[in-house]
Amino acid sequence: MPLTNVQVQNAKPREKDWKLYDEKGLYLLIRAAGHKWWRFKYRYGARADGKPGKAEKNLSLGVFPEVSLKRAREKRDEARRLLAEHIDPSTQRKQEEHQRRVAQLNTFEAVARDWLTKQSWGESHGARNARRLEQHVFPWVGALGVSGIKRVQIKEVLQRIEKTGHIETAYRVLQLIRSIFEYAIAEEICEHSPCLGLSKTLSARPTRHHATITDPKQVGELLKAIDGYGGTFPVACALRLAPLLFVRPGELRKADWSEFDLDGAHPQWRIPAARMKMREQHIVPLAKQAVAILRELQPLTGPTGLVFPGLRSLARPMSENTLNAALRRIGYDKETMTAHGFRSLASSILNEQHWHKDAIERQLAHGERDKIRAAYNHADYLPERRKMMQAWADYLDGLRGQSGPKG
């Protein structure tokens, strides 16, 4: 018997989901939570012998009372007409939804902003990339349809940046545009990318190095200068830890006490993926010297919260310029040494000491394109990295001319 409006209206939720059947495949699904969903049950396709396929499918027709019984039957009949023409109504709906999505994302800027929302960058990195697009790309091609943008138009965007002398920015903008077109292709908004070969039209990328010291004697002098730093105690500790850990400055200043295990057999710092440039959790084995510094600092800023809070608020980390300012204070200008330079310092000397290259790279948390190899390195080189980090701390003590903690 076909359903009546009264039956639909009076259908109440039960302990479990249940159904009220109309006719020709239409039924009402009453959820235990209380919602009432219209469904159309049908079969589509045929077997090799020409008989109807056995696979049963369901098409959602909306929620009651927004969709009335009369409208649900109309939707069912529309789906049945498609089936009579050998068209799967589920496939037809997906195609229509895709067409609506393409219509909404009808410009490069719309696609780009949609792509931006799907990235897992940190807040500052995401804002920086949005600004690059807003400043260098959207004013010239943002209003154009994605599928109609030509290679020459992207080339002009890049040349405009290049003429200002910002070669590195031009490369970064090209990478953003390339990724946006890859996204558009994956979403079937366009079929081709106009970015192919454009990197070859740009000037050679400038070589960028963070100022650092690698001569062992000068490193020893730097370490002694760090030991004599007269600023606040948290900054002094951060400055002493920087050469021992050689993480990125942003990773160090945002460290949280919850990330440290100082008591285990293998003391370590687990930096969450969300704070890492490559979006992978990073393990930093802690040498005895690093543990000693952290234990000395913990009564002041611990046992919970930020390891290196700022002066104005315990809830905010010290500023990104703090370590570089501390280096300036002890006599090292930005052309001689930077906080980021501790990474190059460690990499250069550890490679000269013939530590395993992959262990060094993994400890620096450099990107690894091969996901399988990255997982292998993460597991296999951790014992090597523990050994390397302790040997590195002992080596620095030797350069400083003093002994580290006994263990």
Protein backbone atom coordinates (compact mmCIF):
# COMPACT_ATOMS: atom_id res chain seq x y z
CA MET A 1 0.00 0.00 0.00
CA PRO A 2 1.29 3.48 -0.82
CA LEU A 3 2.10 5.75 2.10
CA THR A 4 -0.13 8.58 3.25
CA ASN A 5 0.89 12.00 4.52
CA VAL A 6 -0.50 11.10 7.95
CA GLN A 7 1.70 7.97 8.15
CA VAL A 8 4.79 9.95 7.20
CA GLN A 9 3.96 12.73 9.64
CA ASN A 10 3.29 10.34 12.53
CA ALA A 11 6.30 8.05 12.03
CA LYS A 12 8.30 8.20 15.27
CA PRO A 13 11.93 7.25 15.91
CA ARG A 14 12.59 3.92 17.57
CA GLU A 15 15.56 2.40 19.33
CA LYS A 16 16.97 1.43 15.94
CA ASP A 17 16.57 2.90 12.43
CA TRP A 18 13.47 1.61 10.63
CA LYS A 19 11.72 2.04 7.27
CA LEU A 20 8.29 2.88 5.88
CA TYR A 21 7.83 1.68 2.30
CA ASP A 22 5.85 3.55 -0.35
CA GLU A 23 5.95 1.98 -3.82
CA LYS A 24 8.19 1.69 -6.89
CA GLY A 25 11.32 1.67 -4.72
CA LEU A 26 10.54 4.73 -2.59
CA TYR A 27 10.77 4.44 1.19
CA LEU A 28 11.20 6.63 4.26
CA LEU A 29 14.14 5.88 6.56
CA ILE A 30 13.41 6.96 10.14
CA ARG A 31 16.65 7.39 12.05
CA ALA A 32 16.90 6.60 15.75
CA ALA A 33 18.14 10.18 16.16
CA GLY A 34 14.83 11.47 14.75
CA HIS A 35 15.59 12.51 11.14
CA LYS A 36 13.42 11.15 8.32
CA TRP A 37 15.24 10.52 5.02
CA TRP A 38 13.64 9.71 1.67
CA ARG A 39 15.41 6.94 -0.24
CA PHE A 40 14.94 5.37 -3.67
CA LYS A 41 16.03 1.75 -3.94
CA TYR A 42 16.88 0.50 -7.44
CA ARG A 43 19.06 -1.82 -9.46
CA TYR A 44 21.24 -0.66 -12.32
CA GLY A 45 23.24 -2.52 -14.96
CA ALA A 46 22.89 -5.93 -16.47
CA ARG A 47 24.61 -9.28 -16.17
CA ALA A 48 26.38 -10.96 -19.05
CA ASP A 49 23.16 -12.89 -19.81
CA GLY A 50 21.25 -9.66 -20.23
CA LYS A 51 19.21 -9.95 -17.04
CA PRO A 52 19.06 -7.06 -14.56
CA GLY A 53 22.14 -6.67 -12.40
CA LYS A 54 21.97 -7.88 -8.82
CA ALA A 55 23.70 -4.89 -7.23
CA GLU A 56 21.20 -2.86 -5.24
CA LYS A 57 21.72 0.89 -4.97
CA ASN A 58 20.10 3.67 -2.94
CA LEU A 59 19.60 7.28 -3.93
CA SER A 60 18.95 9.95 -1.29
CA LEU A 61 15.97 12.15 -2.17
CA GLY A 62 16.06 14.56 0.77
CA VAL A 63 14.75 14.97 4.31
CA PHE A 64 11.13 15.17 5.43
CA PRO A 65 9.43 17.65 5.91
CA GLU A 66 11.66 19.79 3.64
CA VAL A 67 10.87 17.22 0.94
CA SER A 68 7.20 16.25 1.06
CA LEU A 69 5.76 12.85 0.12
CA LYS A 70 4.54 14.31 -3.17
CA ARG A 71 7.95 15.79 -4.01
CA ALA A 72 9.72 12.57 -3.01
CA ARG A 73 7.53 10.65 -5.49
CA GLU A 74 8.34 13.20 -8.20
CA LYS A 75 12.05 12.73 -7.55
CA ARG A 76 11.61 8.96 -7.65
CA ASP A 77 9.81 9.19 -10.97
CA GLU A 78 12.60 11.40 -12.37
CA ALA A 79 15.12 8.75 -11.33
CA ARG A 80 13.00 5.99 -12.92
CA ARG A 81 12.90 7.94 -16.19
CA LEU A 82 16.70 8.05 -16.19
CA LEU A 83 16.85 4.30 -15.56
CA ALA A 84 14.53 3.75 -18.51
CA GLU A 85 17.11 5.57 -20.63
CA HIS A 86 19.89 3.37 -19.19
CA ILE A 87 21.31 6.20 -17.09
CA ASP A 88 22.32 5.58 -13.50
CA PRO A 89 20.65 8.35 -11.43
CA SER A 90 23.49 8.30 -8.85
CA THR A 91 26.07 8.89 -11.59
CA GLN A 92 23.88 11.58 -13.12
CA ARG A 93 23.65 13.37 -9.78
CA LYS A 94 27.44 13.30 -9.30
CA GLN A 95 27.92 14.75 -12.77
CA GLU A 96 25.44 17.53 -12.07
CA GLU A 97 27.10 18.31 -8.72
CA HIS A 98 30.46 18.47 -10.46
CA GLN A 99 29.10 20.84 -13.09
CA ARG A 100 27.72 23.10 -10.36
CA ARG A 101 31.07 23.04 -8.58
CA VAL A 102 32.91 23.96 -11.80
CA ALA A 103 30.42 26.77 -12.35
CA GLN A 104 31.12 28.10 -8.85
CA LEU A 105 34.88 27.80 -9.28
CA ASN A 106 34.81 29.64 -12.58
CA THR A 107 37.90 31.80 -12.07
CA PHE A 108 41.51 31.16 -11.19
CA GLU A 109 41.14 33.10 -7.94
CA ALA A 110 38.13 31.03 -6.88
CA VAL A 111 40.00 27.78 -7.55
CA ALA A 112 43.13 29.09 -5.82
CA ARG A 113 41.24 30.10 -2.68
CA ASP A 114 39.48 26.74 -2.60
CA TRP A 115 42.89 25.04 -2.90
CA LEU A 116 44.32 27.19 -0.10
CA THR A 117 41.63 26.00 2.32
CA LYS A 118 42.68 22.38 1.76
CA GLN A 119 46.36 22.82 2.64
CA SER A 120 47.77 21.72 6.01
CA TRP A 121 50.34 24.52 6.35
CA GLY A 122 50.96 26.40 9.52
CA GLU A 123 49.03 29.66 9.88
CA SER A 124 51.94 31.96 9.02
CA HIS A 125 53.04 29.92 5.99
CA GLY A 126 49.48 29.77 4.65
CA ALA A 127 49.03 33.53 5.10
CA ARG A 128 52.35 34.15 3.32
CA ASN A 129 51.31 32.10 0.29
CA ALA A 130 47.90 33.79 0.16
CA ARG A 131 49.63 37.18 0.14
CA ARG A 132 51.91 36.08 -2.70
CA LEU A 133 48.90 35.13 -4.80
CA GLU A 134 47.02 38.31 -3.90
CA GLN A 135 49.99 40.54 -4.67
CA HIS A 136 51.54 38.87 -7.70
CA VAL A 137 48.88 36.72 -9.40
CA PHE A 138 45.23 37.60 -8.77
CA PRO A 139 45.40 41.17 -10.14
CA TRP A 140 46.40 39.84 -13.59
CA VAL A 141 44.86 36.36 -14.00
CA GLY A 142 42.60 35.96 -10.96
CA ALA A 143 39.42 36.87 -12.85
CA LEU A 144 40.17 34.57 -15.79
CA GLY A 145 38.61 31.15 -16.24
CA VAL A 146 41.09 28.42 -15.29
CA SER A 147 40.74 26.45 -18.51
CA GLY A 148 41.30 29.57 -20.61
CA ILE A 149 44.58 30.74 -19.08
CA LYS A 150 47.52 30.52 -21.52
CA ARG A 151 51.17 29.83 -20.81
CA VAL A 152 52.15 33.30 -22.00
CA GLN A 153 49.90 34.90 -19.35
CA ILE A 154 51.58 32.95 -16.54
CA LYS A 155 54.96 33.79 -18.05
CA GLU A 156 54.10 37.50 -17.94
CA VAL A 157 53.12 37.17 -14.26
CA LEU A 158 56.51 35.63 -13.48
CA GLN A 159 58.46 38.14 -15.57
CA ARG A 160 56.74 40.98 -13.76
CA ILE A 161 58.06 39.61 -10.45
CA GLU A 162 61.48 38.88 -11.90
CA LYS A 163 61.90 42.48 -13.11
CA THR A 164 61.70 43.65 -9.49
CA GLY A 165 64.73 41.49 -8.69
CA HIS A 166 62.81 38.97 -6.56
CA ILE A 167 63.93 35.82 -8.38
CA GLU A 168 63.24 33.47 -5.47
CA THR A 169 59.71 34.87 -5.15
CA ALA A 170 59.10 34.19 -8.85
CA TYR A 171 60.05 30.53 -8.34
CA ARG A 172 57.80 30.26 -5.29
CA VAL A 173 54.87 31.84 -7.11
CA LEU A 174 55.35 29.47 -10.03
CA GLN A 175 55.22 26.52 -7.63
CA LEU A 176 51.97 27.85 -6.16
CA ILE A 177 50.40 28.32 -9.59
CA ARG A 178 51.57 24.87 -10.69
CA SER A 179 50.01 23.26 -7.59
CA ILE A 180 46.74 25.12 -8.15
CA PHE A 181 46.50 23.84 -11.71
CA GLU A 182 47.31 20.30 -10.54
CA TYR A 183 44.43 20.64 -8.09
CA ALA A 184 42.13 21.98 -10.83
CA ILE A 185 43.01 19.03 -13.06
CA ALA A 186 42.39 16.54 -10.24
CA GLU A 187 39.01 18.20 -9.59
CA GLU A 188 38.23 18.02 -13.35
CA ILE A 189 37.88 21.80 -13.53
CA CYS A 190 40.40 21.95 -16.38
CA GLU A 191 42.39 19.43 -18.40
CA HIS A 192 45.83 20.98 -18.85
CA SER A 193 48.34 23.09 -16.95
CA PRO A 194 49.99 26.06 -18.71
CA CYS A 195 53.01 25.87 -16.36
CA LEU A 196 55.02 23.21 -18.20
CA GLY A 197 58.58 24.37 -18.85
CA LEU A 198 58.14 27.85 -17.36
CA SER A 199 60.84 27.36 -14.72
CA LYS A 200 63.37 27.27 -17.58
CA THR A 201 62.36 30.80 -18.59
CA LEU A 202 63.36 32.25 -15.21
CA SER A 203 66.80 33.49 -14.26
CA ALA A 204 69.00 31.13 -12.25
CA ARG A 205 67.83 30.77 -8.68
CA PRO A 206 70.01 32.70 -6.23
CA THR A 207 72.02 30.59 -3.84
CA ARG A 208 70.90 31.34 -0.34
CA HIS A 209 72.97 30.50 2.71
CA HIS A 210 72.29 31.29 6.32
CA ALA A 211 75.39 32.90 7.79
CA THR A 212 77.28 30.40 9.88
CA ILE A 213 80.66 29.49 11.33
CA THR A 214 82.24 26.13 10.57
CA ASP A 215 85.89 26.54 11.52
CA PRO A 216 86.35 24.46 14.73
CA LYS A 217 88.43 27.11 16.48
CA GLN A 218 85.86 29.82 15.72
CA VAL A 219 83.05 27.49 16.81
CA GLY A 220 84.80 27.08 20.16
CA GLU A 221 85.01 30.85 20.53
CA LEU A 222 81.32 31.15 19.67
CA LEU A 223 80.40 28.59 22.33
CA LYS A 224 82.41 30.44 24.97
CA ALA A 225 80.69 33.68 23.98
CA ILE A 226 77.30 31.95 24.32
CA ASP A 227 78.25 30.75 27.81
CA GLY A 228 78.95 34.39 28.73
CA TYR A 229 75.59 35.70 27.48
CA GLY A 230 74.15 38.07 30.07
CA GLY A 231 70.49 38.20 29.05
CA THR A 232 67.47 36.48 30.60
CA PHE A 233 67.87 32.89 31.72
CA PRO A 234 65.36 31.32 29.26
CA VAL A 235 67.07 33.04 26.32
CA ALA A 236 70.48 31.97 27.63
CA CYS A 237 69.25 28.36 27.78
CA ALA A 238 67.78 28.56 24.26
CA LEU A 239 71.09 29.93 22.98
CA ARG A 240 73.03 27.10 24.68
CA LEU A 241 70.62 24.48 23.30
CA ALA A 242 70.64 25.79 19.70
CA PRO A 243 74.04 24.27 18.75
CA LEU A 244 73.24 21.01 20.59
CA LEU A 245 69.90 20.40 18.87
CA PHE A 246 70.31 22.27 15.54
CA VAL A 247 66.56 22.38 14.93
CA ARG A 248 64.95 25.28 13.07
CA PRO A 249 64.69 28.41 15.26
CA GLY A 250 60.89 28.38 15.07
CA GLU A 251 60.79 24.79 16.28
CA LEU A 252 63.01 25.61 19.24
CA ARG A 253 61.25 28.77 20.42
CA LYS A 254 57.79 27.09 20.29
CA ALA A 255 58.91 24.01 22.26
CA ASP A 256 56.46 22.79 24.91
CA TRP A 257 57.41 20.84 28.03
CA SER A 258 54.82 18.16 27.16
CA GLU A 259 56.97 17.19 24.16
CA PHE A 260 60.02 16.22 26.23
CA ASP A 261 60.93 12.93 27.86
CA LEU A 262 63.89 13.68 30.12
CA ASP A 263 63.60 10.60 32.33
CA GLY A 264 63.54 7.66 29.91
CA ALA A 265 66.42 5.44 28.90
CA HIS A 266 66.68 7.53 25.74
CA PRO A 267 65.83 11.17 26.53
CA GLN A 268 64.23 12.82 23.54
CA TRP A 269 62.11 15.65 22.23
CA ARG A 270 59.15 14.77 20.00
CA ILE A 271 58.20 17.78 17.90
CA PRO A 272 54.59 17.43 16.64
CA ALA A 273 54.02 17.22 12.89
CA ALA A 274 51.94 20.43 12.95
CA ARG A 275 55.02 22.46 13.88
CA MET A 276 57.42 20.83 11.42
CA LYS A 277 58.12 22.25 7.99
CA MET A 278 57.63 18.83 6.36
CA ARG A 279 54.51 18.08 8.45
CA GLU A 280 56.00 14.92 9.99
CA GLN A 281 56.68 14.31 13.67
CA HIS A 282 60.37 14.79 14.36
CA ILE A 283 62.38 13.08 17.11
CA VAL A 284 65.40 14.87 18.55
CA PRO A 285 67.56 12.58 20.73
CA LEU A 286 68.83 14.57 23.71
CA ALA A 287 72.47 14.38 24.74
CA LYS A 288 73.29 14.54 28.46
CA GLN A 289 74.37 18.16 28.04
CA ALA A 290 70.97 19.10 26.56
CA VAL A 291 69.11 17.30 29.35
CA ALA A 292 71.17 19.16 31.95
CA ILE A 293 70.24 22.54 30.44
CA LEU A 294 66.55 21.63 30.27
CA ARG A 295 66.50 20.39 33.87
CA GLU A 296 68.11 23.65 34.95
CA LEU A 297 65.42 25.65 33.13
CA GLN A 298 62.38 23.53 34.06
CA PRO A 299 61.86 24.95 37.60
CA LEU A 300 61.52 28.41 36.04
CA THR A 301 59.25 27.84 33.02
CA GLY A 302 57.93 24.29 33.60
CA PRO A 303 56.73 21.76 34.30
CA THR A 304 54.01 22.50 31.72
CA GLY A 305 53.53 25.06 28.99
CA LEU A 306 56.10 26.75 26.78
CA VAL A 307 59.76 26.05 27.43
CA PHE A 308 60.74 29.51 26.16
CA PRO A 309 57.85 31.91 26.84
CA GLY A 310 58.04 35.55 25.84
CA LEU A 311 58.60 38.38 28.28
CA ARG A 312 55.05 39.73 28.03
CA SER A 313 53.03 36.51 28.16
CA LEU A 314 53.64 32.95 29.33
CA ALA A 315 51.16 31.81 26.68
CA ARG A 316 53.23 33.14 23.78
CA PRO A 317 56.73 31.96 22.77
CA MET A 318 59.69 34.27 22.64
CA SER A 319 59.79 36.26 19.41
CA GLU A 320 61.37 34.96 16.22
CA ASN A 321 64.12 37.59 16.47
CA THR A 322 65.17 36.75 20.02
CA LEU A 323 67.98 34.30 19.25
CA ASN A 324 69.44 36.43 16.47
CA ALA A 325 69.30 39.46 18.77
CA ALA A 326 71.14 37.42 21.43
CA LEU A 327 73.85 36.56 18.91
CA ARG A 328 74.18 40.26 18.04
CA ARG A 329 74.52 41.00 21.76
CA ILE A 330 77.51 38.67 22.12
CA GLY A 331 79.21 40.21 19.10
CA TYR A 332 78.09 38.19 16.06
CA ASP A 333 76.50 40.23 13.26
CA LYS A 334 74.02 38.76 10.76
CA GLU A 335 76.73 38.30 8.12
CA THR A 336 78.74 36.10 10.52
CA MET A 337 76.26 33.92 12.42
CA THR A 338 72.49 33.41 12.61
CA ALA A 339 70.27 31.17 14.71
CA HIS A 340 69.49 29.13 11.61
CA GLY A 341 73.22 28.83 10.97
CA PHE A 342 73.59 26.26 13.77
CA ARG A 343 72.01 23.75 11.37
CA SER A 344 74.61 24.39 8.68
CA LEU A 345 77.35 24.34 11.30
CA ALA A 346 76.32 20.88 12.49
CA SER A 347 75.70 19.52 9.00
CA SER A 348 79.08 20.67 7.70
CA ILE A 349 81.16 19.29 10.57
CA LEU A 350 79.19 16.04 11.02
CA ASN A 351 79.62 15.29 7.31
CA GLU A 352 83.34 15.98 7.62
CA GLN A 353 83.40 13.54 10.53
CA HIS A 354 81.85 10.91 8.21
CA TRP A 355 78.65 10.28 10.10
CA HIS A 356 76.05 8.51 7.97
CA LYS A 357 74.66 11.08 5.54
CA ASP A 358 71.09 9.80 5.89
CA ALA A 359 71.31 10.00 9.69
CA ILE A 360 72.43 13.63 9.41
CA GLU A 361 69.71 14.51 6.92
CA ARG A 362 67.07 12.81 9.02
CA GLN A 363 68.23 14.67 12.12
CA LEU A 364 68.01 17.93 10.19
CA ALA A 365 64.42 16.93 9.28
CA HIS A 366 65.03 17.57 5.63
CA GLY A 367 62.28 16.44 3.26
CA GLU A 368 62.37 12.93 1.84
CA ARG A 369 60.46 12.49 -1.41
CA ASP A 370 60.40 8.71 -1.19
CA LYS A 371 57.78 8.00 1.49
CA ILE A 372 58.92 4.40 1.97
CA ARG A 373 62.52 5.47 2.38
CA ALA A 374 61.45 8.21 4.79
CA ALA A 375 59.71 5.67 7.03
CA TYR A 376 62.76 3.40 6.84
CA ASN A 377 65.11 6.21 7.77
CA HIS A 378 62.90 7.24 10.67
CA ALA A 379 63.06 3.78 12.21
CA ASP A 380 66.50 2.57 11.18
CA TYR A 381 68.62 5.64 11.89
CA LEU A 382 67.28 6.57 15.31
CA PRO A 383 69.95 4.53 17.20
CA GLU A 384 72.62 6.07 14.95
CA ARG A 385 71.19 9.53 15.57
CA ARG A 386 71.22 9.01 19.36
CA LYS A 387 74.86 8.06 19.17
CA MET A 388 75.61 10.98 16.84
CA MET A 389 73.87 13.59 18.99
CA GLN A 390 75.79 12.58 22.13
CA ALA A 391 79.08 12.50 20.22
CA TRP A 392 78.25 15.94 18.78
CA ALA A 393 77.62 17.40 22.24
CA ASP A 394 80.89 15.92 23.51
CA TYR A 395 82.71 17.34 20.48
CA LEU A 396 81.32 20.82 21.17
CA ASP A 397 82.48 20.55 24.79
CA GLY A 398 85.91 19.72 23.47
CA LEU A 399 85.91 22.82 21.27
CA ARG A 400 84.78 24.89 24.23
CA GLY A 401 87.63 23.46 26.26
CA GLN A 402 85.55 21.95 29.03
CA SER A 403 84.06 18.58 29.94
CA GLY A 404 80.38 17.83 29.73
CA PRO A 405 78.31 16.14 32.43
CA LYS A 406 79.40 12.71 33.44
CA GLY A 407 76.95 9.96 32.90
